[in-house]
Amino acid sequence: MVRSRARPKKRSGVKVKVKAKAPSKAQPSFFASSSLSYDRTKSQFSNYQTMGLAADSNQIGAARATIRGFKPRVKVPVCESAAAEQVHPLELETGEALKTYRWVPQGERDVLHKLIAAHGDDYAAMSRDMRLNQYQHTAPHLRRRIAKMRTEDQKDTEAAAAAAASKLPAPSPRLRKKITKNPNGAFKRRSTHFT
């Protein structure tokens, strides 16, 4: 292949400087704020044994000779299993677990109400209705969702009745639309281009 006679152009190289990362700070140990005594001079397994923790969760409450199936590669000291009524200090330091409850969303409520109005309690007909049941939910799924929606509605009415009986203000509705204090006026104007 023939070379070009033109000189190669000088390319202006852009130099990019890479910022050095800040050194990461060491996170404080969990045992620093704990009531348990963790000795840094001992090994991890010996600390676990003194604190009453098992190093291998498969060995909790079982003697080494009676373990079947999984055999740990690392043979570590096994702590004695505590009595059932004895509470470990770590259990006292952990908080209560919060259970997340997922409410039936407003859009799904609207669809379910339309299905109930059209078909009553006939879940098979609801599942076959492609116009209202656009996501093609099955009859058992619709039965579960409607039961959940009805229990939520019942809890809401019971809470409102209890508030009215005790002369307290009624609880705010759960599924109300968010009202913005200062809505953007630009969205109120209609476009004149598409009529």
N, C-alpha and C. Protein backbone atom coordinates (compact mmCIF):
# COMPACT_ATOMS: atom_id res chain seq x y z
N MET A 1 0.84 -1.17 0.00
CA MET A 1 0.00 0.00 0.00
C MET A 1 0.88 1.24 0.00
N VAL A 2 0.49 2.24 -0.77
CA VAL A 2 1.29 3.44 -0.94
C VAL A 2 1.07 4.37 0.23
N ARG A 3 2.19 4.97 0.68
CA ARG A 3 2.08 5.93 1.79
C ARG A 3 1.63 7.28 1.28
N SER A 4 0.98 8.00 2.17
CA SER A 4 0.55 9.35 1.83
C SER A 4 1.75 10.28 1.91
N ARG A 5 1.80 11.32 1.03
CA ARG A 5 2.91 12.26 1.06
C ARG A 5 2.73 13.32 2.13
N ALA A 6 1.52 13.50 2.59
CA ALA A 6 1.27 14.53 3.61
C ALA A 6 1.93 14.13 4.92
N ARG A 7 2.45 15.15 5.57
CA ARG A 7 3.07 14.88 6.86
C ARG A 7 2.00 14.49 7.87
N PRO A 8 2.36 13.64 8.79
CA PRO A 8 1.37 13.33 9.84
C PRO A 8 1.14 14.56 10.72
N LYS A 9 -0.12 14.81 11.04
CA LYS A 9 -0.47 15.98 11.84
C LYS A 9 -0.04 15.75 13.29
N LYS A 10 0.36 16.86 13.91
CA LYS A 10 0.71 16.79 15.32
C LYS A 10 -0.59 16.80 16.13
N ARG A 11 -0.72 15.83 16.96
CA ARG A 11 -1.92 15.73 17.77
C ARG A 11 -1.67 16.40 19.10
N SER A 12 -2.61 17.24 19.46
CA SER A 12 -2.47 17.90 20.77
C SER A 12 -3.01 16.94 21.82
N GLY A 13 -2.14 16.44 22.64
CA GLY A 13 -2.54 15.49 23.68
C GLY A 13 -3.16 16.19 24.88
N VAL A 14 -4.29 15.75 25.26
CA VAL A 14 -4.96 16.28 26.44
C VAL A 14 -4.53 15.45 27.63
N LYS A 15 -3.98 16.14 28.61
CA LYS A 15 -3.51 15.42 29.79
C LYS A 15 -4.62 15.45 30.84
N VAL A 16 -4.92 14.30 31.33
CA VAL A 16 -5.96 14.18 32.36
C VAL A 16 -5.28 13.82 33.66
N LYS A 17 -5.57 14.63 34.67
CA LYS A 17 -5.00 14.34 35.98
C LYS A 17 -5.99 13.51 36.78
N VAL A 18 -5.50 12.46 37.35
CA VAL A 18 -6.34 11.59 38.18
C VAL A 18 -6.13 12.01 39.63
N LYS A 19 -7.25 12.35 40.26
CA LYS A 19 -7.16 12.75 41.66
C LYS A 19 -6.88 11.53 42.52
N ALA A 20 -6.00 11.72 43.45
CA ALA A 20 -5.69 10.62 44.37
C ALA A 20 -6.85 10.45 45.33
N LYS A 21 -7.20 9.20 45.59
CA LYS A 21 -8.29 8.92 46.52
C LYS A 21 -7.86 9.21 47.94
N ALA A 22 -8.80 9.72 48.69
CA ALA A 22 -8.52 9.97 50.10
C ALA A 22 -8.40 8.63 50.81
N PRO A 23 -7.48 8.51 51.72
CA PRO A 23 -7.35 7.23 52.43
C PRO A 23 -8.62 6.95 53.24
N SER A 24 -9.08 5.72 53.13
CA SER A 24 -10.32 5.35 53.83
C SER A 24 -10.06 5.24 55.32
N LYS A 25 -11.02 5.76 56.07
CA LYS A 25 -10.90 5.71 57.52
C LYS A 25 -11.34 4.34 58.00
N ALA A 26 -10.65 3.85 58.99
CA ALA A 26 -11.00 2.55 59.55
C ALA A 26 -12.32 2.66 60.29
N GLN A 27 -13.21 1.72 60.00
CA GLN A 27 -14.50 1.72 60.66
C GLN A 27 -14.33 1.25 62.11
N PRO A 28 -15.06 1.86 63.03
CA PRO A 28 -14.95 1.40 64.42
C PRO A 28 -15.51 -0.02 64.54
N SER A 29 -14.89 -0.78 65.38
CA SER A 29 -15.30 -2.17 65.58
C SER A 29 -16.66 -2.20 66.26
N PHE A 30 -17.43 -3.24 65.95
CA PHE A 30 -18.73 -3.39 66.60
C PHE A 30 -18.56 -3.59 68.10
N PHE A 31 -17.48 -4.28 68.48
CA PHE A 31 -17.29 -4.59 69.89
C PHE A 31 -16.81 -3.39 70.69
N ALA A 32 -16.46 -2.27 70.01
CA ALA A 32 -16.03 -1.08 70.75
C ALA A 32 -17.19 -0.49 71.54
N SER A 33 -18.40 -0.52 70.98
CA SER A 33 -19.57 0.01 71.68
C SER A 33 -20.37 -1.08 72.36
N SER A 34 -19.90 -2.32 72.29
CA SER A 34 -20.66 -3.43 72.85
C SER A 34 -20.27 -3.66 74.30
N SER A 35 -21.17 -4.31 75.02
CA SER A 35 -20.87 -4.64 76.41
C SER A 35 -20.01 -5.88 76.53
N LEU A 36 -19.79 -6.59 75.42
CA LEU A 36 -18.96 -7.79 75.43
C LEU A 36 -17.49 -7.40 75.42
N SER A 37 -16.68 -8.21 76.05
CA SER A 37 -15.25 -7.92 76.11
C SER A 37 -14.54 -8.65 74.98
N TYR A 38 -13.94 -7.89 74.07
CA TYR A 38 -13.22 -8.46 72.95
C TYR A 38 -11.75 -8.14 73.15
N ASP A 39 -10.93 -9.16 73.29
CA ASP A 39 -9.51 -8.99 73.54
C ASP A 39 -8.76 -9.11 72.22
N ARG A 40 -8.10 -8.01 71.80
CA ARG A 40 -7.42 -8.00 70.51
C ARG A 40 -6.15 -8.85 70.50
N THR A 41 -5.64 -9.19 71.66
CA THR A 41 -4.42 -10.01 71.69
C THR A 41 -4.73 -11.48 71.44
N LYS A 42 -5.97 -11.91 71.68
CA LYS A 42 -6.35 -13.30 71.46
C LYS A 42 -6.79 -13.50 70.02
N SER A 43 -6.94 -14.75 69.63
CA SER A 43 -7.42 -15.04 68.29
C SER A 43 -8.93 -14.85 68.24
N GLN A 44 -9.45 -14.80 67.04
CA GLN A 44 -10.88 -14.57 66.85
C GLN A 44 -11.69 -15.71 67.46
N PHE A 45 -11.25 -16.94 67.25
CA PHE A 45 -12.01 -18.09 67.74
C PHE A 45 -12.00 -18.16 69.25
N SER A 46 -10.86 -17.81 69.87
CA SER A 46 -10.83 -17.84 71.34
C SER A 46 -11.71 -16.73 71.92
N ASN A 47 -11.76 -15.56 71.23
CA ASN A 47 -12.68 -14.52 71.66
C ASN A 47 -14.12 -14.98 71.54
N TYR A 48 -14.43 -15.64 70.44
CA TYR A 48 -15.80 -16.14 70.27
C TYR A 48 -16.15 -17.13 71.38
N GLN A 49 -15.19 -17.95 71.75
CA GLN A 49 -15.45 -18.96 72.77
C GLN A 49 -15.69 -18.30 74.12
N THR A 50 -14.91 -17.27 74.45
CA THR A 50 -15.12 -16.60 75.74
C THR A 50 -16.42 -15.81 75.77
N MET A 51 -16.86 -15.31 74.62
CA MET A 51 -18.11 -14.55 74.57
C MET A 51 -19.33 -15.43 74.46
N GLY A 52 -19.13 -16.72 74.23
CA GLY A 52 -20.26 -17.62 74.11
C GLY A 52 -20.85 -17.68 72.73
N LEU A 53 -20.05 -17.33 71.72
CA LEU A 53 -20.50 -17.40 70.34
C LEU A 53 -19.89 -18.62 69.68
N ALA A 54 -20.60 -19.23 68.77
CA ALA A 54 -20.07 -20.39 68.05
C ALA A 54 -19.35 -19.89 66.81
N ALA A 55 -18.17 -20.41 66.55
CA ALA A 55 -17.41 -20.00 65.38
C ALA A 55 -18.00 -20.60 64.12
N ASP A 56 -18.62 -21.75 64.22
CA ASP A 56 -19.24 -22.40 63.08
C ASP A 56 -20.72 -22.58 63.39
N SER A 57 -21.58 -21.95 62.60
CA SER A 57 -23.00 -21.99 62.91
C SER A 57 -23.59 -23.39 62.72
N ASN A 58 -22.90 -24.27 61.97
CA ASN A 58 -23.40 -25.63 61.79
C ASN A 58 -23.19 -26.48 63.03
N GLN A 59 -22.38 -26.00 63.96
CA GLN A 59 -22.08 -26.80 65.14
C GLN A 59 -22.87 -26.35 66.37
N ILE A 60 -23.83 -25.45 66.19
CA ILE A 60 -24.58 -24.96 67.34
C ILE A 60 -25.44 -26.08 67.89
N GLY A 61 -25.26 -26.37 69.17
CA GLY A 61 -26.07 -27.37 69.85
C GLY A 61 -25.78 -28.79 69.43
N ALA A 62 -24.63 -29.06 68.82
CA ALA A 62 -24.31 -30.42 68.40
C ALA A 62 -22.88 -30.74 68.79
N ALA A 63 -22.67 -31.96 69.21
CA ALA A 63 -21.31 -32.41 69.52
C ALA A 63 -20.60 -32.70 68.21
N ARG A 64 -19.26 -32.58 68.23
CA ARG A 64 -18.50 -32.74 66.99
C ARG A 64 -18.68 -34.13 66.39
N ALA A 65 -18.82 -35.15 67.23
CA ALA A 65 -18.93 -36.51 66.72
C ALA A 65 -20.29 -36.77 66.07
N THR A 66 -21.30 -35.99 66.41
CA THR A 66 -22.65 -36.27 65.92
C THR A 66 -23.02 -35.46 64.68
N ILE A 67 -22.13 -34.59 64.19
CA ILE A 67 -22.45 -33.78 63.01
C ILE A 67 -22.37 -34.66 61.78
N ARG A 68 -23.45 -34.61 60.96
CA ARG A 68 -23.47 -35.36 59.72
C ARG A 68 -23.49 -34.38 58.55
N GLY A 69 -23.11 -34.83 57.40
CA GLY A 69 -23.18 -33.98 56.21
C GLY A 69 -21.99 -33.06 56.12
N PHE A 70 -22.22 -31.75 56.31
CA PHE A 70 -21.17 -30.76 56.14
C PHE A 70 -20.13 -30.88 57.24
N LYS A 71 -18.90 -31.09 56.89
CA LYS A 71 -17.79 -31.10 57.85
C LYS A 71 -16.93 -29.88 57.56
N PRO A 72 -16.75 -29.00 58.53
CA PRO A 72 -15.95 -27.82 58.29
C PRO A 72 -14.49 -28.17 58.05
N ARG A 73 -13.86 -27.44 57.13
CA ARG A 73 -12.44 -27.68 56.86
C ARG A 73 -11.57 -27.23 58.01
N VAL A 74 -11.93 -26.06 58.58
CA VAL A 74 -11.15 -25.53 59.68
C VAL A 74 -11.74 -26.06 60.97
N LYS A 75 -10.93 -26.77 61.72
CA LYS A 75 -11.40 -27.28 63.00
C LYS A 75 -11.21 -26.19 64.04
N VAL A 76 -12.30 -25.64 64.50
CA VAL A 76 -12.24 -24.53 65.47
C VAL A 76 -12.85 -24.99 66.78
N PRO A 77 -12.52 -24.33 67.86
CA PRO A 77 -13.11 -24.73 69.13
C PRO A 77 -14.61 -24.46 69.14
N VAL A 78 -15.34 -25.40 69.67
CA VAL A 78 -16.79 -25.29 69.74
C VAL A 78 -17.18 -24.89 71.15
N CYS A 79 -18.00 -23.86 71.25
CA CYS A 79 -18.44 -23.44 72.58
C CYS A 79 -19.62 -24.30 73.02
N GLU A 80 -19.82 -24.38 74.29
CA GLU A 80 -20.92 -25.15 74.83
C GLU A 80 -22.22 -24.42 74.53
N SER A 81 -23.26 -25.17 74.17
CA SER A 81 -24.54 -24.55 73.88
C SER A 81 -25.18 -24.08 75.17
N ALA A 82 -25.73 -22.86 75.13
CA ALA A 82 -26.33 -22.28 76.32
C ALA A 82 -27.73 -22.85 76.52
N ALA A 83 -28.24 -22.68 77.73
CA ALA A 83 -29.59 -23.14 78.03
C ALA A 83 -30.60 -22.30 77.24
N ALA A 84 -31.78 -22.85 77.02
CA ALA A 84 -32.77 -22.17 76.19
C ALA A 84 -33.28 -20.90 76.85
N GLU A 85 -33.39 -20.90 78.18
CA GLU A 85 -33.93 -19.72 78.87
C GLU A 85 -32.89 -18.63 79.08
N GLN A 86 -31.62 -18.93 78.85
CA GLN A 86 -30.56 -17.94 79.04
C GLN A 86 -30.50 -17.00 77.82
N VAL A 87 -30.49 -15.68 78.07
CA VAL A 87 -30.45 -14.69 77.01
C VAL A 87 -29.02 -14.20 76.84
N HIS A 88 -28.55 -14.22 75.60
CA HIS A 88 -27.19 -13.77 75.32
C HIS A 88 -27.15 -12.25 75.31
N PRO A 89 -26.04 -11.63 75.76
CA PRO A 89 -25.96 -10.15 75.76
C PRO A 89 -26.11 -9.52 74.38
N LEU A 90 -25.70 -10.23 73.32
CA LEU A 90 -25.86 -9.67 71.97
C LEU A 90 -27.34 -9.54 71.59
N GLU A 91 -28.17 -10.45 72.09
CA GLU A 91 -29.60 -10.36 71.79
C GLU A 91 -30.22 -9.13 72.44
N LEU A 92 -29.67 -8.72 73.59
CA LEU A 92 -30.19 -7.53 74.26
C LEU A 92 -29.79 -6.25 73.54
N GLU A 93 -28.66 -6.29 72.82
CA GLU A 93 -28.17 -5.09 72.14
C GLU A 93 -28.84 -4.85 70.79
N THR A 94 -29.38 -5.89 70.20
CA THR A 94 -30.03 -5.72 68.90
C THR A 94 -31.45 -5.23 69.11
N GLY A 95 -31.89 -4.38 68.19
CA GLY A 95 -33.24 -3.84 68.28
C GLY A 95 -34.26 -4.79 67.69
N GLU A 96 -35.51 -4.41 67.84
CA GLU A 96 -36.59 -5.21 67.28
C GLU A 96 -36.59 -5.05 65.75
N ALA A 97 -36.85 -6.13 65.07
CA ALA A 97 -36.90 -6.09 63.60
C ALA A 97 -38.21 -5.45 63.16
N LEU A 98 -38.12 -4.54 62.20
CA LEU A 98 -39.31 -3.87 61.69
C LEU A 98 -39.88 -4.68 60.53
N LYS A 99 -41.17 -5.01 60.62
CA LYS A 99 -41.81 -5.77 59.57
C LYS A 99 -42.36 -4.79 58.54
N THR A 100 -41.97 -4.97 57.30
CA THR A 100 -42.45 -4.08 56.24
C THR A 100 -43.76 -4.64 55.71
N TYR A 101 -44.76 -3.80 55.66
CA TYR A 101 -46.07 -4.19 55.13
C TYR A 101 -46.31 -3.42 53.85
N ARG A 102 -46.58 -4.12 52.79
CA ARG A 102 -46.81 -3.47 51.50
C ARG A 102 -48.31 -3.38 51.25
N TRP A 103 -48.80 -2.15 51.21
CA TRP A 103 -50.21 -1.91 50.97
C TRP A 103 -50.53 -2.13 49.49
N VAL A 104 -51.79 -2.37 49.23
CA VAL A 104 -52.23 -2.48 47.84
C VAL A 104 -52.22 -1.08 47.25
N PRO A 105 -51.50 -0.84 46.15
CA PRO A 105 -51.40 0.51 45.60
C PRO A 105 -52.73 1.01 45.05
N GLN A 106 -52.83 2.33 44.92
CA GLN A 106 -54.09 2.93 44.50
C GLN A 106 -54.50 2.51 43.09
N GLY A 107 -53.55 2.41 42.18
CA GLY A 107 -53.88 2.00 40.82
C GLY A 107 -54.44 0.59 40.77
N GLU A 108 -53.85 -0.31 41.56
CA GLU A 108 -54.35 -1.69 41.60
C GLU A 108 -55.71 -1.74 42.28
N ARG A 109 -55.92 -0.87 43.27
CA ARG A 109 -57.24 -0.80 43.93
C ARG A 109 -58.32 -0.41 42.93
N ASP A 110 -58.01 0.58 42.08
CA ASP A 110 -58.99 1.02 41.09
C ASP A 110 -59.37 -0.12 40.15
N VAL A 111 -58.37 -0.88 39.70
CA VAL A 111 -58.63 -2.00 38.79
C VAL A 111 -59.45 -3.07 39.51
N LEU A 112 -59.10 -3.36 40.76
CA LEU A 112 -59.84 -4.40 41.50
C LEU A 112 -61.28 -3.98 41.75
N HIS A 113 -61.51 -2.69 42.05
CA HIS A 113 -62.88 -2.23 42.25
C HIS A 113 -63.69 -2.34 40.95
N LYS A 114 -63.06 -2.04 39.81
CA LYS A 114 -63.76 -2.18 38.53
C LYS A 114 -64.09 -3.65 38.24
N LEU A 115 -63.15 -4.54 38.57
CA LEU A 115 -63.40 -5.97 38.36
C LEU A 115 -64.53 -6.47 39.25
N ILE A 116 -64.55 -6.00 40.51
CA ILE A 116 -65.62 -6.42 41.43
C ILE A 116 -66.97 -5.89 40.94
N ALA A 117 -66.98 -4.63 40.45
CA ALA A 117 -68.23 -4.06 39.96
C ALA A 117 -68.74 -4.81 38.73
N ALA A 118 -67.83 -5.30 37.90
CA ALA A 118 -68.24 -5.97 36.67
C ALA A 118 -68.61 -7.43 36.90
N HIS A 119 -67.86 -8.13 37.77
CA HIS A 119 -68.03 -9.59 37.88
C HIS A 119 -68.44 -10.07 39.26
N GLY A 120 -68.53 -9.21 40.25
CA GLY A 120 -68.91 -9.66 41.59
C GLY A 120 -67.79 -10.49 42.21
N ASP A 121 -68.12 -11.71 42.65
CA ASP A 121 -67.12 -12.59 43.26
C ASP A 121 -66.69 -13.72 42.33
N ASP A 122 -66.93 -13.60 41.05
CA ASP A 122 -66.54 -14.62 40.07
C ASP A 122 -65.10 -14.34 39.63
N TYR A 123 -64.14 -14.99 40.32
CA TYR A 123 -62.73 -14.72 40.06
C TYR A 123 -62.28 -15.30 38.72
N ALA A 124 -62.92 -16.39 38.28
CA ALA A 124 -62.56 -16.97 36.98
C ALA A 124 -62.92 -16.00 35.86
N ALA A 125 -64.09 -15.35 35.97
CA ALA A 125 -64.48 -14.37 34.95
C ALA A 125 -63.58 -13.15 35.00
N MET A 126 -63.15 -12.77 36.21
CA MET A 126 -62.21 -11.64 36.33
C MET A 126 -60.91 -11.94 35.62
N SER A 127 -60.42 -13.17 35.78
CA SER A 127 -59.13 -13.51 35.17
C SER A 127 -59.24 -13.57 33.64
N ARG A 128 -60.44 -13.84 33.11
CA ARG A 128 -60.62 -13.91 31.65
C ARG A 128 -60.89 -12.55 31.03
N ASP A 129 -61.23 -11.55 31.84
CA ASP A 129 -61.56 -10.23 31.33
C ASP A 129 -60.26 -9.51 30.93
N MET A 130 -59.97 -9.49 29.64
CA MET A 130 -58.71 -8.90 29.17
C MET A 130 -58.78 -7.38 29.11
N ARG A 131 -59.97 -6.82 29.10
CA ARG A 131 -60.09 -5.37 29.01
C ARG A 131 -59.75 -4.72 30.36
N LEU A 132 -60.27 -5.27 31.45
CA LEU A 132 -59.98 -4.71 32.78
C LEU A 132 -58.73 -5.33 33.39
N ASN A 133 -58.56 -6.63 33.21
CA ASN A 133 -57.42 -7.35 33.78
C ASN A 133 -56.30 -7.37 32.75
N GLN A 134 -55.67 -6.20 32.57
CA GLN A 134 -54.68 -6.06 31.49
C GLN A 134 -53.41 -6.88 31.75
N TYR A 135 -53.06 -7.07 33.02
CA TYR A 135 -51.84 -7.82 33.33
C TYR A 135 -52.08 -9.32 33.41
N GLN A 136 -53.30 -9.75 33.10
CA GLN A 136 -53.68 -11.15 33.03
C GLN A 136 -53.36 -11.90 34.33
N HIS A 137 -53.77 -11.30 35.45
CA HIS A 137 -53.60 -11.97 36.74
C HIS A 137 -54.51 -13.18 36.80
N THR A 138 -54.04 -14.24 37.45
CA THR A 138 -54.83 -15.46 37.55
C THR A 138 -55.91 -15.28 38.61
N ALA A 139 -56.86 -16.23 38.61
CA ALA A 139 -57.96 -16.16 39.57
C ALA A 139 -57.48 -16.25 41.02
N PRO A 140 -56.54 -17.17 41.36
CA PRO A 140 -56.06 -17.20 42.76
C PRO A 140 -55.33 -15.91 43.17
N HIS A 141 -54.58 -15.32 42.23
CA HIS A 141 -53.88 -14.07 42.54
C HIS A 141 -54.89 -12.96 42.80
N LEU A 142 -55.92 -12.87 41.97
CA LEU A 142 -56.95 -11.85 42.18
C LEU A 142 -57.68 -12.08 43.50
N ARG A 143 -57.93 -13.33 43.86
CA ARG A 143 -58.60 -13.65 45.12
C ARG A 143 -57.76 -13.15 46.31
N ARG A 144 -56.46 -13.39 46.25
CA ARG A 144 -55.57 -12.94 47.35
C ARG A 144 -55.52 -11.42 47.43
N ARG A 145 -55.40 -10.76 46.28
CA ARG A 145 -55.28 -9.30 46.28
C ARG A 145 -56.57 -8.63 46.76
N ILE A 146 -57.71 -9.17 46.34
CA ILE A 146 -58.99 -8.60 46.78
C ILE A 146 -59.19 -8.83 48.27
N ALA A 147 -58.79 -10.01 48.77
CA ALA A 147 -58.91 -10.27 50.21
C ALA A 147 -58.02 -9.31 51.00
N LYS A 148 -56.82 -9.07 50.50
CA LYS A 148 -55.91 -8.14 51.18
C LYS A 148 -56.47 -6.72 51.16
N MET A 149 -57.04 -6.32 50.03
CA MET A 149 -57.61 -4.98 49.92
C MET A 149 -58.79 -4.82 50.87
N ARG A 150 -59.62 -5.85 50.99
CA ARG A 150 -60.78 -5.78 51.87
C ARG A 150 -60.37 -5.71 53.34
N THR A 151 -59.32 -6.46 53.73
CA THR A 151 -58.86 -6.39 55.12
C THR A 151 -58.28 -5.01 55.43
N GLU A 152 -57.58 -4.41 54.45
CA GLU A 152 -57.05 -3.06 54.66
C GLU A 152 -58.18 -2.06 54.83
N ASP A 153 -59.21 -2.18 53.99
CA ASP A 153 -60.36 -1.28 54.11
C ASP A 153 -61.07 -1.46 55.45
N GLN A 154 -61.16 -2.70 55.90
CA GLN A 154 -61.81 -2.97 57.18
C GLN A 154 -61.00 -2.36 58.33
N LYS A 155 -59.68 -2.48 58.28
CA LYS A 155 -58.84 -1.88 59.32
C LYS A 155 -58.97 -0.36 59.33
N ASP A 156 -59.07 0.23 58.14
CA ASP A 156 -59.23 1.69 58.06
C ASP A 156 -60.55 2.14 58.67
N THR A 157 -61.63 1.41 58.39
CA THR A 157 -62.93 1.79 58.95
C THR A 157 -62.97 1.58 60.45
N GLU A 158 -62.30 0.51 60.94
CA GLU A 158 -62.25 0.28 62.39
C GLU A 158 -61.46 1.38 63.08
N ALA A 159 -60.36 1.83 62.47
CA ALA A 159 -59.56 2.91 63.06
C ALA A 159 -60.35 4.21 63.08
N ALA A 160 -61.12 4.49 62.02
CA ALA A 160 -61.93 5.70 61.99
C ALA A 160 -63.05 5.64 63.02
N ALA A 161 -63.66 4.45 63.19
CA ALA A 161 -64.73 4.30 64.19
C ALA A 161 -64.19 4.44 65.60
N ALA A 162 -63.00 3.88 65.86
CA ALA A 162 -62.39 4.00 67.19
C ALA A 162 -62.03 5.45 67.49
N ALA A 163 -61.56 6.18 66.49
CA ALA A 163 -61.23 7.59 66.69
C ALA A 163 -62.49 8.41 66.95
N ALA A 164 -63.58 8.07 66.25
CA ALA A 164 -64.83 8.81 66.46
C ALA A 164 -65.42 8.51 67.84
N ALA A 165 -65.27 7.25 68.30
CA ALA A 165 -65.79 6.87 69.60
C ALA A 165 -65.03 7.55 70.73
N SER A 166 -63.73 7.73 70.56
CA SER A 166 -62.92 8.36 71.60
C SER A 166 -62.80 9.87 71.41
N LYS A 167 -63.57 10.42 70.45
CA LYS A 167 -63.61 11.86 70.17
C LYS A 167 -62.23 12.43 69.81
N LEU A 168 -61.46 11.62 69.13
CA LEU A 168 -60.16 12.06 68.61
C LEU A 168 -60.32 12.41 67.13
N PRO A 169 -59.41 13.19 66.58
CA PRO A 169 -59.52 13.47 65.14
C PRO A 169 -59.33 12.19 64.33
N ALA A 170 -60.06 12.11 63.25
CA ALA A 170 -60.01 10.91 62.40
C ALA A 170 -58.63 10.80 61.77
N PRO A 171 -58.12 9.56 61.63
CA PRO A 171 -56.81 9.40 60.99
C PRO A 171 -56.85 9.85 59.54
N SER A 172 -55.74 10.40 59.09
CA SER A 172 -55.69 10.89 57.71
C SER A 172 -55.78 9.71 56.74
N PRO A 173 -56.45 9.91 55.61
CA PRO A 173 -56.57 8.80 54.66
C PRO A 173 -55.20 8.37 54.15
N ARG A 174 -55.04 7.06 54.01
CA ARG A 174 -53.75 6.50 53.67
C ARG A 174 -53.38 6.75 52.23
N LEU A 175 -54.34 6.70 51.33
CA LEU A 175 -54.04 6.76 49.90
C LEU A 175 -54.44 8.08 49.27
N ARG A 176 -54.26 9.17 49.99
CA ARG A 176 -54.63 10.47 49.43
C ARG A 176 -53.51 10.98 48.52
N LYS A 177 -53.90 11.82 47.58
CA LYS A 177 -52.91 12.37 46.65
C LYS A 177 -52.12 13.46 47.33
N LYS A 178 -50.86 13.58 46.96
CA LYS A 178 -50.00 14.61 47.53
C LYS A 178 -50.37 15.96 46.92
N ILE A 179 -50.60 16.94 47.79
CA ILE A 179 -50.97 18.27 47.33
C ILE A 179 -49.75 19.16 47.48
N THR A 180 -49.30 19.73 46.38
CA THR A 180 -48.14 20.61 46.41
C THR A 180 -48.58 22.01 46.77
N LYS A 181 -47.84 22.67 47.65
CA LYS A 181 -48.21 24.02 48.08
C LYS A 181 -48.11 25.02 46.93
N ASN A 182 -47.01 25.00 46.22
CA ASN A 182 -46.79 25.93 45.13
C ASN A 182 -46.58 25.16 43.83
N PRO A 183 -47.68 24.76 43.18
CA PRO A 183 -47.49 24.00 41.94
C PRO A 183 -46.91 24.88 40.84
N ASN A 184 -46.20 24.26 39.94
CA ASN A 184 -45.58 24.98 38.84
C ASN A 184 -46.66 25.37 37.84
N GLY A 185 -46.79 26.66 37.57
CA GLY A 185 -47.82 27.15 36.67
C GLY A 185 -47.60 26.77 35.24
N ALA A 186 -46.37 26.40 34.87
CA ALA A 186 -46.09 26.07 33.47
C ALA A 186 -46.84 24.83 33.03
N PHE A 187 -47.15 23.93 33.97
CA PHE A 187 -47.82 22.70 33.61
C PHE A 187 -49.33 22.90 33.47
N LYS A 188 -49.85 24.03 33.93
CA LYS A 188 -51.28 24.28 33.80
C LYS A 188 -51.64 24.72 32.39
N ARG A 189 -50.72 25.45 31.75
CA ARG A 189 -50.99 25.95 30.41
C ARG A 189 -51.03 24.82 29.40
N ARG A 190 -52.01 24.89 28.52
CA ARG A 190 -52.11 23.88 27.47
C ARG A 190 -51.33 24.33 26.25
N SER A 191 -50.82 23.39 25.54
CA SER A 191 -50.06 23.70 24.35
C SER A 191 -51.00 24.14 23.23
N THR A 192 -50.59 25.16 22.49
CA THR A 192 -51.38 25.63 21.36
C THR A 192 -50.95 24.97 20.06
N HIS A 193 -49.88 24.18 20.12
CA HIS A 193 -49.36 23.58 18.91
C HIS A 193 -50.15 22.33 18.50
N PHE A 194 -50.70 21.62 19.47
CA PHE A 194 -51.40 20.37 19.18
C PHE A 194 -52.86 20.57 19.56
N THR A 195 -53.70 20.87 18.61
CA THR A 195 -55.11 21.05 18.91
C THR A 195 -55.97 20.08 18.15
